[in-house]
Amino acid sequence: MENLPMSVRIGRASSSTEDDYMILEVEDREANVLFLRLKMSLGEFANVITNRTGQGTADVRGLECIGKVHQCKTFVFELPKDSEFRSKEAAREAVQEACPEGWTPDTCFNSQSSFFREGDKQYARTFIRRWVEKENENS
């Protein structure tokens, strides 16, 4: 993969339990994935910006999504009749069964609009997301 559009953020962080440090984050904008978070001391960061080698620690995640397009949409599904209204646990179980193949559901259900009733049925609302190859993004 070449010439992927990326966002880079650099910032200084402070902590009451450790020395100040710099954070460098790299995000694939189309995939909407923050895949690299590099943390380094102020001294190491100074080395890097003055053309010397610096060291830090990195968190890397979501590499399987790099170069893909992020898709996200609202998903509404019916909850079992015997479940308690606004039961996050029931919603988490039901969304796993109802979610279309290839999509991943958000399972927080913390919004006031996550649960609702229509007649004698109860429903939950969440977001589902997936990452697709650029040439398949309209399918």
N, C-alpha and C. Protein backbone atom coordinates (compact mmCIF):
# COMPACT_ATOMS: atom_id res chain seq x y z
N MET A 1 0.85 -1.18 0.00
CA MET A 1 0.00 0.00 0.00
C MET A 1 0.89 1.24 0.00
N GLU A 2 0.54 2.18 -0.82
CA GLU A 2 1.31 3.41 -0.91
C GLU A 2 0.39 4.62 -0.95
N ASN A 3 0.91 5.75 -0.52
CA ASN A 3 0.22 7.04 -0.60
C ASN A 3 -1.15 7.05 0.06
N LEU A 4 -1.25 6.45 1.23
CA LEU A 4 -2.50 6.45 1.98
C LEU A 4 -2.63 7.77 2.72
N PRO A 5 -3.81 8.40 2.71
CA PRO A 5 -3.98 9.65 3.47
C PRO A 5 -4.01 9.36 4.97
N MET A 6 -3.15 10.04 5.71
CA MET A 6 -3.04 9.83 7.15
C MET A 6 -3.14 11.15 7.88
N SER A 7 -3.58 11.08 9.12
CA SER A 7 -3.56 12.23 10.02
C SER A 7 -2.52 11.95 11.09
N VAL A 8 -1.74 12.96 11.43
CA VAL A 8 -0.72 12.83 12.46
C VAL A 8 -0.96 13.92 13.50
N ARG A 9 -0.95 13.52 14.76
CA ARG A 9 -1.09 14.47 15.86
C ARG A 9 0.10 14.29 16.80
N ILE A 10 0.64 15.39 17.25
CA ILE A 10 1.72 15.37 18.24
C ILE A 10 1.29 16.27 19.38
N GLY A 11 1.42 15.77 20.59
CA GLY A 11 1.02 16.57 21.74
C GLY A 11 1.83 16.23 22.97
N ARG A 12 1.83 17.14 23.89
CA ARG A 12 2.51 16.94 25.16
C ARG A 12 1.48 16.53 26.20
N ALA A 13 1.82 15.55 27.00
CA ALA A 13 0.93 15.07 28.04
C ALA A 13 1.61 15.20 29.40
N SER A 14 0.82 15.47 30.41
CA SER A 14 1.33 15.57 31.77
C SER A 14 0.63 14.52 32.62
N SER A 15 1.31 14.07 33.62
CA SER A 15 0.75 13.07 34.52
C SER A 15 1.22 13.36 35.93
N SER A 16 0.37 13.11 36.89
CA SER A 16 0.75 13.32 38.29
C SER A 16 1.61 12.17 38.80
N THR A 17 1.64 11.06 38.08
CA THR A 17 2.38 9.89 38.54
C THR A 17 3.68 9.66 37.79
N GLU A 18 3.91 10.37 36.68
CA GLU A 18 5.15 10.19 35.94
C GLU A 18 5.55 11.52 35.29
N ASP A 19 6.73 11.55 34.72
CA ASP A 19 7.22 12.76 34.06
C ASP A 19 6.37 13.10 32.84
N ASP A 20 6.45 14.36 32.42
CA ASP A 20 5.77 14.77 31.19
C ASP A 20 6.32 13.95 30.02
N TYR A 21 5.51 13.79 29.00
CA TYR A 21 5.94 13.01 27.84
C TYR A 21 5.21 13.51 26.60
N MET A 22 5.68 13.07 25.46
CA MET A 22 5.10 13.42 24.17
C MET A 22 4.35 12.22 23.62
N ILE A 23 3.27 12.51 22.94
CA ILE A 23 2.46 11.48 22.28
C ILE A 23 2.40 11.82 20.80
N LEU A 24 2.68 10.84 19.96
CA LEU A 24 2.53 10.96 18.52
C LEU A 24 1.51 9.91 18.09
N GLU A 25 0.44 10.35 17.42
CA GLU A 25 -0.61 9.43 16.98
C GLU A 25 -0.75 9.51 15.47
N VAL A 26 -0.92 8.34 14.84
CA VAL A 26 -1.10 8.27 13.40
C VAL A 26 -2.42 7.55 13.13
N GLU A 27 -3.27 8.18 12.31
CA GLU A 27 -4.60 7.66 12.02
C GLU A 27 -4.82 7.57 10.51
N ASP A 28 -5.36 6.44 10.07
CA ASP A 28 -5.80 6.30 8.69
C ASP A 28 -7.18 6.95 8.62
N ARG A 29 -7.28 8.07 7.92
CA ARG A 29 -8.52 8.85 7.90
C ARG A 29 -9.67 8.09 7.25
N GLU A 30 -9.43 7.40 6.14
CA GLU A 30 -10.52 6.70 5.46
C GLU A 30 -11.00 5.49 6.26
N ALA A 31 -10.08 4.83 6.94
CA ALA A 31 -10.46 3.68 7.77
C ALA A 31 -10.96 4.12 9.14
N ASN A 32 -10.73 5.38 9.49
CA ASN A 32 -11.12 5.92 10.79
C ASN A 32 -10.53 5.07 11.92
N VAL A 33 -9.23 4.76 11.78
CA VAL A 33 -8.55 3.91 12.75
C VAL A 33 -7.26 4.60 13.21
N LEU A 34 -7.18 4.80 14.51
CA LEU A 34 -5.94 5.26 15.12
C LEU A 34 -5.10 4.00 15.34
N PHE A 35 -4.07 3.81 14.49
CA PHE A 35 -3.35 2.54 14.54
C PHE A 35 -1.99 2.62 15.22
N LEU A 36 -1.48 3.83 15.44
CA LEU A 36 -0.19 3.96 16.12
C LEU A 36 -0.26 5.08 17.14
N ARG A 37 0.13 4.76 18.36
CA ARG A 37 0.25 5.75 19.43
C ARG A 37 1.62 5.55 20.06
N LEU A 38 2.49 6.50 19.82
CA LEU A 38 3.88 6.43 20.28
C LEU A 38 4.08 7.40 21.43
N LYS A 39 4.62 6.89 22.52
CA LYS A 39 4.84 7.70 23.72
C LYS A 39 6.35 7.77 23.97
N MET A 40 6.86 9.00 24.16
CA MET A 40 8.29 9.15 24.44
C MET A 40 8.54 10.30 25.40
N SER A 41 9.66 10.21 26.08
CA SER A 41 10.02 11.27 27.03
C SER A 41 10.32 12.55 26.25
N LEU A 42 10.32 13.66 26.96
CA LEU A 42 10.62 14.94 26.32
C LEU A 42 12.04 14.93 25.74
N GLY A 43 12.97 14.31 26.43
CA GLY A 43 14.35 14.23 25.95
C GLY A 43 14.46 13.41 24.67
N GLU A 44 13.77 12.27 24.64
CA GLU A 44 13.79 11.43 23.43
C GLU A 44 13.13 12.15 22.26
N PHE A 45 12.06 12.86 22.54
CA PHE A 45 11.39 13.62 21.48
C PHE A 45 12.32 14.72 20.94
N ALA A 46 13.04 15.38 21.84
CA ALA A 46 14.01 16.39 21.41
C ALA A 46 15.07 15.77 20.51
N ASN A 47 15.51 14.56 20.82
CA ASN A 47 16.46 13.86 19.96
C ASN A 47 15.88 13.66 18.55
N VAL A 48 14.65 13.25 18.47
CA VAL A 48 14.03 12.98 17.18
C VAL A 48 13.93 14.24 16.34
N ILE A 49 13.49 15.34 16.93
CA ILE A 49 13.30 16.55 16.12
C ILE A 49 14.60 17.29 15.83
N THR A 50 15.70 16.84 16.42
CA THR A 50 17.00 17.43 16.09
C THR A 50 17.84 16.44 15.29
N ASN A 51 17.16 15.57 14.56
CA ASN A 51 17.78 14.65 13.61
C ASN A 51 18.68 13.60 14.27
N ARG A 52 18.33 13.21 15.48
CA ARG A 52 19.01 12.10 16.14
C ARG A 52 17.98 11.00 16.38
N THR A 53 18.43 9.87 16.81
CA THR A 53 17.53 8.75 17.06
C THR A 53 16.91 8.88 18.44
N GLY A 54 15.61 8.59 18.52
CA GLY A 54 14.91 8.60 19.79
C GLY A 54 14.17 7.30 19.98
N GLN A 55 13.84 6.99 21.20
CA GLN A 55 13.13 5.75 21.50
C GLN A 55 11.89 6.06 22.32
N GLY A 56 10.90 5.21 22.16
CA GLY A 56 9.67 5.33 22.92
C GLY A 56 8.97 3.99 22.98
N THR A 57 7.75 4.02 23.46
CA THR A 57 6.94 2.80 23.48
C THR A 57 5.71 3.04 22.59
N ALA A 58 5.25 1.98 21.95
CA ALA A 58 4.16 2.14 20.99
C ALA A 58 3.02 1.19 21.30
N ASP A 59 1.80 1.68 21.06
CA ASP A 59 0.61 0.85 21.01
C ASP A 59 0.21 0.80 19.55
N VAL A 60 0.09 -0.40 19.01
CA VAL A 60 -0.29 -0.59 17.61
C VAL A 60 -1.54 -1.45 17.60
N ARG A 61 -2.55 -1.01 16.83
CA ARG A 61 -3.80 -1.77 16.74
C ARG A 61 -4.50 -1.46 15.42
N GLY A 62 -5.41 -2.30 15.03
CA GLY A 62 -6.23 -2.05 13.86
C GLY A 62 -5.51 -2.14 12.53
N LEU A 63 -4.36 -2.80 12.49
CA LEU A 63 -3.60 -2.85 11.25
C LEU A 63 -4.37 -3.54 10.12
N GLU A 64 -5.27 -4.44 10.48
CA GLU A 64 -6.06 -5.13 9.45
C GLU A 64 -7.01 -4.18 8.73
N CYS A 65 -7.24 -3.00 9.27
CA CYS A 65 -8.16 -2.02 8.68
C CYS A 65 -7.44 -0.98 7.81
N ILE A 66 -6.14 -0.91 7.90
CA ILE A 66 -5.38 0.11 7.18
C ILE A 66 -5.59 -0.06 5.68
N GLY A 67 -5.85 1.06 5.00
CA GLY A 67 -6.06 1.05 3.55
C GLY A 67 -7.47 0.69 3.14
N LYS A 68 -8.34 0.47 4.11
CA LYS A 68 -9.74 0.14 3.82
C LYS A 68 -10.62 1.36 4.10
N VAL A 69 -11.88 1.24 3.77
CA VAL A 69 -12.84 2.31 4.00
C VAL A 69 -13.74 1.90 5.16
N HIS A 70 -13.91 2.80 6.12
CA HIS A 70 -14.77 2.56 7.28
C HIS A 70 -16.21 2.89 6.90
N GLN A 71 -17.11 1.96 7.18
CA GLN A 71 -18.54 2.19 6.99
C GLN A 71 -19.23 2.00 8.33
N CYS A 72 -20.20 2.87 8.60
CA CYS A 72 -20.90 2.83 9.87
C CYS A 72 -22.35 3.21 9.61
N LYS A 73 -23.28 2.48 10.24
CA LYS A 73 -24.69 2.83 10.10
C LYS A 73 -25.45 2.43 11.36
N THR A 74 -26.61 3.05 11.52
CA THR A 74 -27.49 2.74 12.64
C THR A 74 -28.15 1.39 12.40
N PHE A 75 -28.28 0.62 13.47
CA PHE A 75 -28.89 -0.70 13.38
C PHE A 75 -29.92 -0.84 14.50
N VAL A 76 -31.14 -1.18 14.13
CA VAL A 76 -32.24 -1.36 15.09
C VAL A 76 -32.62 -2.84 15.08
N PHE A 77 -32.81 -3.40 16.27
CA PHE A 77 -33.17 -4.82 16.37
C PHE A 77 -34.13 -5.02 17.54
N GLU A 78 -34.94 -6.06 17.40
CA GLU A 78 -35.94 -6.37 18.44
C GLU A 78 -35.28 -7.14 19.57
N LEU A 79 -35.70 -6.83 20.78
CA LEU A 79 -35.23 -7.54 21.96
C LEU A 79 -36.22 -8.66 22.31
N PRO A 80 -35.76 -9.71 22.97
CA PRO A 80 -36.67 -10.78 23.38
C PRO A 80 -37.77 -10.26 24.28
N LYS A 81 -38.96 -10.82 24.14
CA LYS A 81 -40.12 -10.37 24.92
C LYS A 81 -39.91 -10.47 26.42
N ASP A 82 -39.18 -11.48 26.85
CA ASP A 82 -39.00 -11.69 28.29
C ASP A 82 -37.86 -10.87 28.90
N SER A 83 -37.18 -10.04 28.10
CA SER A 83 -36.06 -9.27 28.64
C SER A 83 -36.57 -8.00 29.34
N GLU A 84 -35.84 -7.61 30.35
CA GLU A 84 -36.17 -6.40 31.11
C GLU A 84 -35.90 -5.18 30.22
N PHE A 85 -36.78 -4.18 30.31
CA PHE A 85 -36.61 -2.98 29.49
C PHE A 85 -35.30 -2.28 29.85
N ARG A 86 -34.58 -1.86 28.85
CA ARG A 86 -33.28 -1.19 28.98
C ARG A 86 -32.20 -2.11 29.53
N SER A 87 -32.32 -3.40 29.33
CA SER A 87 -31.30 -4.34 29.79
C SER A 87 -30.15 -4.36 28.79
N LYS A 88 -29.01 -3.83 29.20
CA LYS A 88 -27.84 -3.81 28.33
C LYS A 88 -27.36 -5.23 28.02
N GLU A 89 -27.44 -6.10 29.01
CA GLU A 89 -27.00 -7.49 28.82
C GLU A 89 -27.87 -8.19 27.77
N ALA A 90 -29.18 -8.01 27.83
CA ALA A 90 -30.07 -8.61 26.83
C ALA A 90 -29.78 -8.04 25.45
N ALA A 91 -29.51 -6.76 25.38
CA ALA A 91 -29.20 -6.12 24.10
C ALA A 91 -27.89 -6.65 23.53
N ARG A 92 -26.90 -6.84 24.37
CA ARG A 92 -25.61 -7.36 23.91
C ARG A 92 -25.76 -8.76 23.32
N GLU A 93 -26.57 -9.58 23.96
CA GLU A 93 -26.80 -10.93 23.44
C GLU A 93 -27.60 -10.90 22.14
N ALA A 94 -28.65 -10.10 22.11
CA ALA A 94 -29.52 -10.05 20.94
C ALA A 94 -28.82 -9.46 19.72
N VAL A 95 -27.98 -8.45 19.91
CA VAL A 95 -27.33 -7.81 18.76
C VAL A 95 -26.34 -8.77 18.10
N GLN A 96 -25.72 -9.64 18.87
CA GLN A 96 -24.79 -10.61 18.28
C GLN A 96 -25.52 -11.54 17.31
N GLU A 97 -26.74 -11.91 17.65
CA GLU A 97 -27.53 -12.79 16.78
C GLU A 97 -28.11 -12.04 15.59
N ALA A 98 -28.49 -10.79 15.78
CA ALA A 98 -29.20 -10.03 14.74
C ALA A 98 -28.27 -9.31 13.77
N CYS A 99 -27.05 -9.07 14.16
CA CYS A 99 -26.12 -8.26 13.35
C CYS A 99 -25.81 -8.96 12.02
N PRO A 100 -25.89 -8.22 10.91
CA PRO A 100 -25.58 -8.83 9.61
C PRO A 100 -24.12 -9.31 9.57
N GLU A 101 -23.89 -10.36 8.81
CA GLU A 101 -22.56 -10.93 8.67
C GLU A 101 -21.59 -9.89 8.10
N GLY A 102 -20.40 -9.87 8.65
CA GLY A 102 -19.38 -8.95 8.18
C GLY A 102 -19.37 -7.62 8.90
N TRP A 103 -20.37 -7.36 9.73
CA TRP A 103 -20.47 -6.12 10.48
C TRP A 103 -20.15 -6.40 11.94
N THR A 104 -19.66 -5.37 12.65
CA THR A 104 -19.37 -5.47 14.07
C THR A 104 -20.23 -4.45 14.81
N PRO A 105 -21.02 -4.90 15.80
CA PRO A 105 -21.88 -3.96 16.52
C PRO A 105 -21.16 -3.26 17.67
N ASP A 106 -21.54 -2.02 17.94
CA ASP A 106 -21.14 -1.34 19.17
C ASP A 106 -22.04 -1.91 20.27
N THR A 107 -21.49 -2.19 21.41
CA THR A 107 -22.27 -2.86 22.46
C THR A 107 -22.34 -2.07 23.76
N CYS A 108 -22.20 -0.74 23.69
CA CYS A 108 -22.27 0.08 24.91
C CYS A 108 -23.70 0.32 25.38
N PHE A 109 -24.58 0.71 24.47
CA PHE A 109 -25.99 0.99 24.79
C PHE A 109 -26.13 2.01 25.92
N ASN A 110 -25.32 3.07 25.88
CA ASN A 110 -25.36 4.10 26.92
C ASN A 110 -26.18 5.32 26.55
N SER A 111 -26.61 5.43 25.32
CA SER A 111 -27.38 6.58 24.88
C SER A 111 -28.82 6.49 25.39
N GLN A 112 -29.44 7.65 25.63
CA GLN A 112 -30.85 7.66 26.04
C GLN A 112 -31.74 7.07 24.95
N SER A 113 -31.29 7.15 23.70
CA SER A 113 -32.11 6.62 22.60
C SER A 113 -31.74 5.18 22.22
N SER A 114 -30.95 4.50 23.06
CA SER A 114 -30.57 3.12 22.75
C SER A 114 -31.75 2.15 22.83
N PHE A 115 -32.73 2.45 23.68
CA PHE A 115 -33.87 1.55 23.88
C PHE A 115 -35.17 2.29 23.63
N PHE A 116 -36.11 1.59 23.01
CA PHE A 116 -37.43 2.20 22.80
C PHE A 116 -38.46 1.09 22.61
N ARG A 117 -39.73 1.51 22.71
CA ARG A 117 -40.85 0.57 22.53
C ARG A 117 -41.72 1.03 21.39
N GLU A 118 -42.28 0.08 20.71
CA GLU A 118 -43.32 0.33 19.70
C GLU A 118 -44.39 -0.72 19.94
N GLY A 119 -45.53 -0.26 20.41
CA GLY A 119 -46.59 -1.20 20.78
C GLY A 119 -46.14 -2.05 21.95
N ASP A 120 -46.28 -3.36 21.81
CA ASP A 120 -45.86 -4.25 22.90
C ASP A 120 -44.47 -4.84 22.67
N LYS A 121 -43.75 -4.33 21.67
CA LYS A 121 -42.40 -4.82 21.39
C LYS A 121 -41.37 -3.79 21.85
N GLN A 122 -40.21 -4.32 22.27
CA GLN A 122 -39.12 -3.42 22.66
C GLN A 122 -37.93 -3.65 21.73
N TYR A 123 -37.24 -2.54 21.46
CA TYR A 123 -36.15 -2.55 20.50
C TYR A 123 -34.93 -1.87 21.12
N ALA A 124 -33.80 -2.14 20.50
CA ALA A 124 -32.56 -1.44 20.85
C ALA A 124 -31.95 -0.89 19.57
N ARG A 125 -31.19 0.17 19.75
CA ARG A 125 -30.56 0.85 18.62
C ARG A 125 -29.07 0.99 18.93
N THR A 126 -28.25 0.70 17.94
CA THR A 126 -26.81 0.86 18.09
C THR A 126 -26.21 1.16 16.73
N PHE A 127 -24.91 1.26 16.68
CA PHE A 127 -24.20 1.42 15.41
C PHE A 127 -23.52 0.11 15.08
N ILE A 128 -23.47 -0.19 13.79
CA ILE A 128 -22.67 -1.31 13.32
C ILE A 128 -21.64 -0.74 12.35
N ARG A 129 -20.51 -1.41 12.28
CA ARG A 129 -19.44 -0.91 11.42
C ARG A 129 -18.69 -2.05 10.77
N ARG A 130 -18.04 -1.70 9.66
CA ARG A 130 -17.18 -2.65 8.98
C ARG A 130 -16.15 -1.87 8.18
N TRP A 131 -15.13 -2.58 7.77
CA TRP A 131 -14.07 -2.00 6.95
C TRP A 131 -14.01 -2.82 5.67
N VAL A 132 -14.11 -2.13 4.55
CA VAL A 132 -14.13 -2.81 3.25
C VAL A 132 -13.02 -2.26 2.35
N GLU A 133 -12.61 -3.11 1.42
CA GLU A 133 -11.63 -2.68 0.43
C GLU A 133 -12.23 -1.53 -0.38
N LYS A 134 -11.42 -0.61 -0.81
CA LYS A 134 -11.91 0.58 -1.50
C LYS A 134 -12.73 0.24 -2.73
N GLU A 135 -12.33 -0.77 -3.49
CA GLU A 135 -13.08 -1.10 -4.69
C GLU A 135 -14.43 -1.75 -4.39
N ASN A 136 -14.66 -2.21 -3.15
CA ASN A 136 -15.92 -2.84 -2.76
C ASN A 136 -16.79 -1.95 -1.88
N GLU A 137 -16.46 -0.68 -1.73
CA GLU A 137 -17.14 0.15 -0.74
C GLU A 137 -18.61 0.43 -1.07
N ASN A 138 -19.03 0.26 -2.30
CA ASN A 138 -20.44 0.52 -2.64
C ASN A 138 -21.29 -0.74 -2.62
N SER A 139 -20.73 -1.87 -2.24
CA SER A 139 -21.54 -3.11 -2.23
C SER A 139 -22.06 -3.43 -0.85
